[in-house]
Amino acid sequence: MRCRSTCRWLAVHTVGAGGGSIARVDASGLIQVGPESAGANPGPVCYGRGGKEPTITDANLVLSRLAPKEAAGGRKSGHRQRVSNT
């Protein structure tokens, strides 16, 4: 018996990406995340602690998926303006 599907498939290979994973656009114009990480120190750009490359946390803040006062479980405040300058 042969079954046909009209669904398009997308293969996703990932181990996991934390909020400090650095995001970038590669030479093909595709978004790549990790394996580089900002780690806890300096951390994402939005925390203002020296991070220079945009991370998953920065992207979520800019896309309003993360409220500025909810960053790091409410222990830190994120700033969209810092991210916009990168």
Foldseek 3Di string as FASTA:
>chain_A
DDDDDPDDDDDDDDDDFDQFWFWDQDPVRDIDTDPDGCPVVVGAQQQVSDDDTHGNNLVCPLVVVAAQCCPPNNPTGGDNVSVVVD
